[in-house]
């Protein structure tokens, strides 16, 4: 495997891991506490926030958290589906073409898991509140 292909695979994996980490942080800071309170487990949310006070800081800056996470996930999509295949097409060995796909499979799985977690966190943090407010008023 060529050095450029290895570098691309490492960059793709790194972007996927950062995307997963930031999407998990959006889920922990904003979505999970809201969902726990919605289910009537407010004491559990309070004890979790007292155990992990850094979640309050993330929650106060949720716009930044979601923005950075969205940018990382979007750049990971661009890298995984646009940049990496072009480089792999030039660098893969003709005698064993599956070696290039093995490294990208894990990156694609992590990317889609990150996107799903981000979507759930975004919906709970930004969409669920206004919907419940309109239902409560009506």
N, C-alpha and C. Protein backbone atom coordinates (compact mmCIF):
# COMPACT_ATOMS: atom_id res chain seq x y z
N UNK A 1 0.85 -1.16 0.00
CA UNK A 1 0.00 0.00 0.00
C UNK A 1 0.90 1.23 0.00
N UNK A 2 0.54 2.19 -0.76
CA UNK A 2 1.34 3.39 -0.91
C UNK A 2 1.23 4.29 0.31
N UNK A 3 2.23 5.14 0.52
CA UNK A 3 2.27 6.04 1.67
C UNK A 3 1.12 7.05 1.62
N UNK A 4 0.76 7.53 0.43
CA UNK A 4 -0.33 8.50 0.30
C UNK A 4 -1.67 7.87 0.67
N UNK A 5 -1.88 6.62 0.31
CA UNK A 5 -3.10 5.91 0.66
C UNK A 5 -3.18 5.69 2.16
N UNK A 6 -2.07 5.35 2.78
CA UNK A 6 -2.04 5.16 4.23
C UNK A 6 -2.35 6.47 4.94
N UNK A 7 -1.80 7.57 4.46
CA UNK A 7 -2.07 8.88 5.05
C UNK A 7 -3.54 9.24 4.91
N UNK A 8 -4.13 8.96 3.76
CA UNK A 8 -5.54 9.24 3.54
C UNK A 8 -6.41 8.40 4.46
N UNK A 9 -6.07 7.13 4.63
CA UNK A 9 -6.83 6.26 5.52
C UNK A 9 -6.74 6.74 6.96
N UNK A 10 -5.56 7.17 7.38
CA UNK A 10 -5.40 7.68 8.74
C UNK A 10 -6.19 8.96 8.93
N UNK A 11 -6.16 9.85 7.93
CA UNK A 11 -6.91 11.10 8.03
C UNK A 11 -8.41 10.82 8.08
N UNK A 12 -8.87 9.89 7.28
CA UNK A 12 -10.28 9.53 7.27
C UNK A 12 -10.71 8.94 8.61
N UNK A 13 -9.89 8.07 9.16
CA UNK A 13 -10.20 7.47 10.46
C UNK A 13 -10.19 8.53 11.56
N UNK A 14 -9.24 9.44 11.50
CA UNK A 14 -9.15 10.50 12.50
C UNK A 14 -10.37 11.41 12.44
N UNK A 15 -10.79 11.79 11.24
CA UNK A 15 -12.00 12.61 11.11
C UNK A 15 -13.23 11.87 11.62
N UNK A 16 -13.30 10.58 11.36
CA UNK A 16 -14.45 9.80 11.84
C UNK A 16 -14.46 9.72 13.36
N UNK A 17 -13.31 9.53 13.97
CA UNK A 17 -13.25 9.48 15.43
C UNK A 17 -13.59 10.83 16.05
N UNK A 18 -13.09 11.92 15.47
CA UNK A 18 -13.44 13.25 15.97
C UNK A 18 -14.93 13.52 15.80
N UNK A 19 -15.49 13.09 14.69
CA UNK A 19 -16.93 13.26 14.47
C UNK A 19 -17.73 12.48 15.50
N UNK A 20 -17.32 11.26 15.77
CA UNK A 20 -18.01 10.46 16.78
C UNK A 20 -17.89 11.09 18.16
N UNK A 21 -16.71 11.57 18.51
CA UNK A 21 -16.50 12.20 19.81
C UNK A 21 -17.37 13.45 19.98
N UNK A 22 -17.39 14.31 18.97
CA UNK A 22 -18.18 15.53 19.10
C UNK A 22 -19.67 15.25 19.05
N UNK A 23 -20.10 14.27 18.27
CA UNK A 23 -21.53 13.96 18.26
C UNK A 23 -21.96 13.35 19.59
N UNK A 24 -21.09 12.58 20.22
CA UNK A 24 -21.40 12.07 21.56
C UNK A 24 -21.47 13.20 22.57
N UNK A 25 -20.62 14.21 22.42
CA UNK A 25 -20.67 15.34 23.34
C UNK A 25 -21.96 16.12 23.18
N UNK A 26 -22.47 16.24 21.95
CA UNK A 26 -23.76 16.91 21.77
C UNK A 26 -24.88 16.11 22.40
N UNK A 27 -24.78 14.79 22.31
CA UNK A 27 -25.80 13.94 22.91
C UNK A 27 -25.75 14.04 24.43
N UNK A 28 -24.55 14.03 25.01
CA UNK A 28 -24.42 14.09 26.46
C UNK A 28 -24.81 15.44 27.04
N UNK A 29 -24.44 16.53 26.36
CA UNK A 29 -24.67 17.84 26.95
C UNK A 29 -26.11 18.30 26.81
N UNK A 30 -26.73 18.01 25.73
CA UNK A 30 -28.01 18.65 25.44
C UNK A 30 -29.17 17.67 25.32
N UNK A 31 -28.98 16.59 24.64
CA UNK A 31 -30.09 15.70 24.36
C UNK A 31 -30.43 14.78 25.52
N UNK A 32 -29.45 14.16 26.09
CA UNK A 32 -29.70 13.17 27.13
C UNK A 32 -30.35 13.77 28.38
N UNK A 33 -29.84 14.88 28.92
CA UNK A 33 -30.53 15.47 30.09
C UNK A 33 -31.97 15.88 29.78
N UNK A 34 -32.21 16.44 28.61
CA UNK A 34 -33.58 16.83 28.24
C UNK A 34 -34.49 15.62 28.14
N UNK A 35 -33.98 14.57 27.55
CA UNK A 35 -34.78 13.36 27.38
C UNK A 35 -35.07 12.69 28.73
N UNK A 36 -34.10 12.71 29.62
CA UNK A 36 -34.29 12.12 30.95
C UNK A 36 -35.35 12.89 31.73
N UNK A 37 -35.30 14.23 31.66
CA UNK A 37 -36.30 15.04 32.34
C UNK A 37 -37.67 14.84 31.71
N UNK A 38 -37.71 14.72 30.39
CA UNK A 38 -38.97 14.49 29.70
C UNK A 38 -39.63 13.19 30.15
N UNK A 39 -38.81 12.19 30.43
CA UNK A 39 -39.34 10.90 30.88
C UNK A 39 -39.70 10.89 32.37
N UNK A 40 -39.52 12.03 33.04
CA UNK A 40 -39.89 12.13 34.45
C UNK A 40 -38.80 11.71 35.41
N UNK A 41 -37.59 11.68 34.96
CA UNK A 41 -36.47 11.28 35.81
C UNK A 41 -35.57 12.48 36.11
N UNK A 42 -36.18 13.57 36.58
CA UNK A 42 -35.43 14.81 36.84
C UNK A 42 -34.37 14.65 37.90
N UNK A 43 -34.62 13.82 38.92
CA UNK A 43 -33.62 13.61 39.96
C UNK A 43 -32.39 12.90 39.40
N UNK A 44 -32.60 12.01 38.46
CA UNK A 44 -31.47 11.34 37.82
C UNK A 44 -30.64 12.32 37.00
N UNK A 45 -31.32 13.23 36.31
CA UNK A 45 -30.59 14.24 35.54
C UNK A 45 -29.81 15.17 36.47
N UNK A 46 -30.41 15.54 37.60
CA UNK A 46 -29.72 16.42 38.54
C UNK A 46 -28.50 15.74 39.15
N UNK A 47 -28.63 14.47 39.48
CA UNK A 47 -27.46 13.77 40.05
C UNK A 47 -26.37 13.56 39.00
N UNK A 48 -26.76 13.34 37.77
CA UNK A 48 -25.77 13.20 36.70
C UNK A 48 -25.03 14.51 36.49
N UNK A 49 -25.76 15.62 36.49
CA UNK A 49 -25.12 16.92 36.31
C UNK A 49 -24.26 17.31 37.50
N UNK A 50 -24.61 16.87 38.70
CA UNK A 50 -23.74 17.15 39.84
C UNK A 50 -22.50 16.26 39.82
N UNK A 51 -22.62 15.08 39.26
CA UNK A 51 -21.48 14.18 39.15
C UNK A 51 -20.53 14.63 38.04
N UNK A 52 -21.07 15.17 36.94
CA UNK A 52 -20.27 15.62 35.80
C UNK A 52 -20.60 17.08 35.50
N UNK A 53 -20.04 18.02 36.25
CA UNK A 53 -20.40 19.43 36.06
C UNK A 53 -19.96 20.02 34.73
N UNK A 54 -19.04 19.39 34.05
CA UNK A 54 -18.61 19.90 32.74
C UNK A 54 -19.72 19.83 31.71
N UNK A 55 -20.76 19.01 31.97
CA UNK A 55 -21.89 18.96 31.05
C UNK A 55 -22.67 20.27 31.03
N UNK A 56 -22.66 20.98 32.16
CA UNK A 56 -23.34 22.27 32.23
C UNK A 56 -22.64 23.28 31.32
N UNK A 57 -21.31 23.25 31.31
CA UNK A 57 -20.55 24.17 30.45
C UNK A 57 -20.83 23.85 28.98
N UNK A 58 -20.83 22.57 28.64
CA UNK A 58 -21.16 22.19 27.25
C UNK A 58 -22.58 22.61 26.88
N UNK A 59 -23.49 22.49 27.82
CA UNK A 59 -24.87 22.84 27.55
C UNK A 59 -25.04 24.35 27.36
N UNK A 60 -24.28 25.13 28.11
CA UNK A 60 -24.34 26.59 27.94
C UNK A 60 -23.82 27.02 26.58
N UNK A 61 -22.89 26.28 26.06
CA UNK A 61 -22.30 26.60 24.76
C UNK A 61 -22.73 25.58 23.70
N UNK A 62 -24.00 25.19 23.73
CA UNK A 62 -24.46 24.14 22.82
C UNK A 62 -24.42 24.59 21.36
N UNK A 63 -24.55 25.89 21.11
CA UNK A 63 -24.47 26.36 19.73
C UNK A 63 -23.08 26.07 19.15
N UNK A 64 -22.05 26.33 19.95
CA UNK A 64 -20.69 26.04 19.50
C UNK A 64 -20.45 24.54 19.39
N UNK A 65 -20.97 23.81 20.36
CA UNK A 65 -20.79 22.36 20.35
C UNK A 65 -21.41 21.74 19.10
N UNK A 66 -22.65 22.14 18.80
CA UNK A 66 -23.32 21.59 17.62
C UNK A 66 -22.68 22.08 16.33
N UNK A 67 -22.21 23.33 16.32
CA UNK A 67 -21.57 23.86 15.10
C UNK A 67 -20.28 23.11 14.78
N UNK A 68 -19.42 22.96 15.79
CA UNK A 68 -18.15 22.26 15.58
C UNK A 68 -18.40 20.80 15.19
N UNK A 69 -19.34 20.18 15.87
CA UNK A 69 -19.66 18.79 15.56
C UNK A 69 -20.20 18.65 14.14
N UNK A 70 -21.09 19.54 13.74
CA UNK A 70 -21.65 19.50 12.38
C UNK A 70 -20.59 19.71 11.32
N UNK A 71 -19.66 20.64 11.58
CA UNK A 71 -18.57 20.89 10.62
C UNK A 71 -17.67 19.67 10.50
N UNK A 72 -17.34 19.05 11.63
CA UNK A 72 -16.50 17.86 11.58
C UNK A 72 -17.19 16.69 10.87
N UNK A 73 -18.46 16.51 11.12
CA UNK A 73 -19.18 15.43 10.46
C UNK A 73 -19.30 15.70 8.96
N UNK A 74 -19.58 16.95 8.59
CA UNK A 74 -19.67 17.29 7.17
C UNK A 74 -18.32 17.11 6.47
N UNK A 75 -17.23 17.52 7.12
CA UNK A 75 -15.92 17.34 6.50
C UNK A 75 -15.55 15.86 6.42
N UNK A 76 -16.00 15.09 7.36
CA UNK A 76 -15.76 13.65 7.30
C UNK A 76 -16.54 13.01 6.15
N UNK A 77 -17.77 13.47 5.92
CA UNK A 77 -18.53 12.98 4.76
C UNK A 77 -17.82 13.33 3.46
N UNK A 78 -17.34 14.56 3.35
CA UNK A 78 -16.63 14.98 2.14
C UNK A 78 -15.38 14.14 1.94
N UNK A 79 -14.65 13.93 3.01
CA UNK A 79 -13.42 13.14 2.91
C UNK A 79 -13.72 11.68 2.56
N UNK A 80 -14.72 11.10 3.20
CA UNK A 80 -15.00 9.68 3.01
C UNK A 80 -15.59 9.38 1.63
N UNK A 81 -16.47 10.24 1.15
CA UNK A 81 -17.18 9.92 -0.08
C UNK A 81 -16.70 10.70 -1.31
N UNK A 82 -15.84 11.70 -1.13
CA UNK A 82 -15.39 12.46 -2.29
C UNK A 82 -13.88 12.42 -2.47
N UNK A 83 -13.14 12.73 -1.42
CA UNK A 83 -11.68 12.83 -1.56
C UNK A 83 -11.01 11.46 -1.52
N UNK A 84 -11.32 10.66 -0.51
CA UNK A 84 -10.64 9.37 -0.35
C UNK A 84 -10.85 8.41 -1.53
N UNK A 85 -12.06 8.29 -2.09
CA UNK A 85 -12.19 7.38 -3.23
C UNK A 85 -11.36 7.79 -4.44
N UNK A 86 -11.19 9.07 -4.66
CA UNK A 86 -10.37 9.52 -5.79
C UNK A 86 -8.91 9.15 -5.58
N UNK A 87 -8.43 9.32 -4.37
CA UNK A 87 -7.04 8.97 -4.09
C UNK A 87 -6.85 7.46 -4.14
N UNK A 88 -7.82 6.71 -3.57
CA UNK A 88 -7.72 5.26 -3.59
C UNK A 88 -7.77 4.70 -5.01
N UNK A 89 -8.54 5.34 -5.89
CA UNK A 89 -8.64 4.85 -7.27
C UNK A 89 -7.29 4.91 -7.98
N UNK A 90 -6.48 5.89 -7.62
CA UNK A 90 -5.16 6.02 -8.24
C UNK A 90 -4.11 5.15 -7.55
N UNK A 91 -4.32 4.87 -6.26
CA UNK A 91 -3.25 4.25 -5.48
C UNK A 91 -3.46 2.76 -5.18
N UNK A 92 -4.64 2.21 -5.39
CA UNK A 92 -4.88 0.80 -5.07
C UNK A 92 -4.11 -0.11 -6.01
N UNK A 93 -3.67 -1.21 -5.45
CA UNK A 93 -2.96 -2.18 -6.26
C UNK A 93 -3.96 -3.01 -7.05
N UNK A 94 -3.70 -3.26 -8.31
CA UNK A 94 -4.65 -4.03 -9.14
C UNK A 94 -4.73 -5.50 -8.71
N UNK A 95 -3.69 -6.05 -8.10
CA UNK A 95 -3.74 -7.46 -7.73
C UNK A 95 -4.59 -7.72 -6.49
N UNK A 96 -4.81 -6.71 -5.64
CA UNK A 96 -5.62 -6.88 -4.44
C UNK A 96 -6.39 -5.59 -4.16
N UNK A 97 -7.49 -5.35 -4.85
CA UNK A 97 -8.22 -4.09 -4.69
C UNK A 97 -9.01 -3.98 -3.39
N UNK A 98 -9.21 -5.08 -2.69
CA UNK A 98 -10.00 -5.02 -1.45
C UNK A 98 -9.23 -4.42 -0.28
N UNK A 99 -7.92 -4.33 -0.38
CA UNK A 99 -7.15 -3.77 0.74
C UNK A 99 -7.51 -2.32 0.99
N UNK A 100 -7.83 -1.58 -0.05
CA UNK A 100 -8.21 -0.18 0.13
C UNK A 100 -9.58 -0.04 0.78
N UNK A 101 -10.47 -0.99 0.52
CA UNK A 101 -11.82 -0.90 1.07
C UNK A 101 -11.90 -1.30 2.54
N UNK A 102 -10.96 -2.15 2.99
CA UNK A 102 -11.00 -2.62 4.37
C UNK A 102 -10.85 -1.48 5.36
N UNK A 103 -9.96 -0.55 5.08
CA UNK A 103 -9.73 0.57 6.00
C UNK A 103 -10.89 1.55 6.01
N UNK A 104 -11.57 1.69 4.89
CA UNK A 104 -12.64 2.68 4.83
C UNK A 104 -13.96 2.17 5.38
N UNK A 105 -14.12 0.87 5.53
CA UNK A 105 -15.37 0.33 6.07
C UNK A 105 -15.63 0.81 7.48
N UNK A 106 -14.62 0.76 8.32
CA UNK A 106 -14.76 1.22 9.70
C UNK A 106 -15.04 2.72 9.74
N UNK A 107 -14.38 3.47 8.89
CA UNK A 107 -14.62 4.91 8.84
C UNK A 107 -16.05 5.23 8.44
N UNK A 108 -16.60 4.48 7.49
CA UNK A 108 -17.97 4.72 7.07
C UNK A 108 -18.97 4.37 8.17
N UNK A 109 -18.72 3.29 8.88
CA UNK A 109 -19.61 2.91 9.98
C UNK A 109 -19.57 3.98 11.07
N UNK A 110 -18.38 4.39 11.46
CA UNK A 110 -18.26 5.44 12.48
C UNK A 110 -18.91 6.74 12.03
N UNK A 111 -18.77 7.06 10.76
CA UNK A 111 -19.35 8.29 10.24
C UNK A 111 -20.87 8.27 10.31
N UNK A 112 -21.48 7.19 9.91
CA UNK A 112 -22.94 7.12 9.94
C UNK A 112 -23.47 7.03 11.37
N UNK A 113 -22.74 6.37 12.27
CA UNK A 113 -23.14 6.36 13.68
C UNK A 113 -23.06 7.77 14.25
N UNK A 114 -22.00 8.50 13.90
CA UNK A 114 -21.85 9.88 14.35
C UNK A 114 -22.99 10.75 13.83
N UNK A 115 -23.33 10.58 12.57
CA UNK A 115 -24.41 11.38 11.98
C UNK A 115 -25.75 11.07 12.65
N UNK A 116 -25.99 9.81 12.96
CA UNK A 116 -27.24 9.44 13.64
C UNK A 116 -27.31 10.03 15.04
N UNK A 117 -26.21 9.94 15.78
CA UNK A 117 -26.17 10.51 17.13
C UNK A 117 -26.35 12.02 17.08
N UNK A 118 -25.70 12.66 16.11
CA UNK A 118 -25.83 14.11 15.95
C UNK A 118 -27.27 14.49 15.63
N UNK A 119 -27.92 13.74 14.76
CA UNK A 119 -29.30 14.03 14.40
C UNK A 119 -30.23 13.90 15.59
N UNK A 120 -30.07 12.86 16.38
CA UNK A 120 -30.89 12.68 17.58
C UNK A 120 -30.65 13.83 18.55
N UNK A 121 -29.38 14.16 18.78
CA UNK A 121 -29.06 15.26 19.69
C UNK A 121 -29.61 16.59 19.20
N UNK A 122 -29.52 16.86 17.90
CA UNK A 122 -30.03 18.10 17.34
C UNK A 122 -31.54 18.18 17.49
N UNK A 123 -32.21 17.08 17.20
CA UNK A 123 -33.68 17.08 17.31
C UNK A 123 -34.14 17.30 18.74
N UNK A 124 -33.49 16.67 19.69
CA UNK A 124 -33.89 16.84 21.09
C UNK A 124 -33.53 18.24 21.59
N UNK A 125 -32.38 18.75 21.20
CA UNK A 125 -31.93 20.04 21.72
C UNK A 125 -32.65 21.22 21.07
N UNK A 126 -32.98 21.14 19.79
CA UNK A 126 -33.53 22.30 19.09
C UNK A 126 -34.96 22.12 18.59
N UNK A 127 -35.39 20.92 18.30
CA UNK A 127 -36.70 20.72 17.67
C UNK A 127 -37.76 20.30 18.69
N UNK A 128 -37.40 19.46 19.63
CA UNK A 128 -38.37 18.91 20.57
C UNK A 128 -38.96 19.98 21.49
N UNK A 129 -38.14 20.93 21.93
CA UNK A 129 -38.63 21.98 22.83
C UNK A 129 -39.74 22.82 22.24
N UNK A 130 -39.55 23.39 21.06
CA UNK A 130 -40.65 24.17 20.46
C UNK A 130 -41.90 23.35 20.16
N UNK A 131 -41.73 22.09 19.79
CA UNK A 131 -42.91 21.24 19.54
C UNK A 131 -43.69 21.02 20.82
N UNK A 132 -43.00 20.71 21.90
CA UNK A 132 -43.67 20.48 23.17
C UNK A 132 -44.30 21.76 23.71
N UNK A 133 -43.67 22.90 23.47
CA UNK A 133 -44.23 24.19 23.90
C UNK A 133 -45.52 24.46 23.15
N UNK A 134 -45.56 24.22 21.85
CA UNK A 134 -46.79 24.44 21.08
C UNK A 134 -47.89 23.46 21.48
N UNK A 135 -47.53 22.23 21.80
CA UNK A 135 -48.52 21.26 22.25
C UNK A 135 -49.08 21.61 23.63
N UNK A 136 -48.23 22.20 24.47
CA UNK A 136 -48.66 22.56 25.82
C UNK A 136 -49.60 23.76 25.80
N UNK A 137 -49.34 24.71 24.90
CA UNK A 137 -50.19 25.89 24.79
C UNK A 137 -51.55 25.53 24.22
N UNK A 138 -51.56 24.63 23.25
CA UNK A 138 -52.78 24.24 22.54
C UNK A 138 -53.67 23.43 23.38
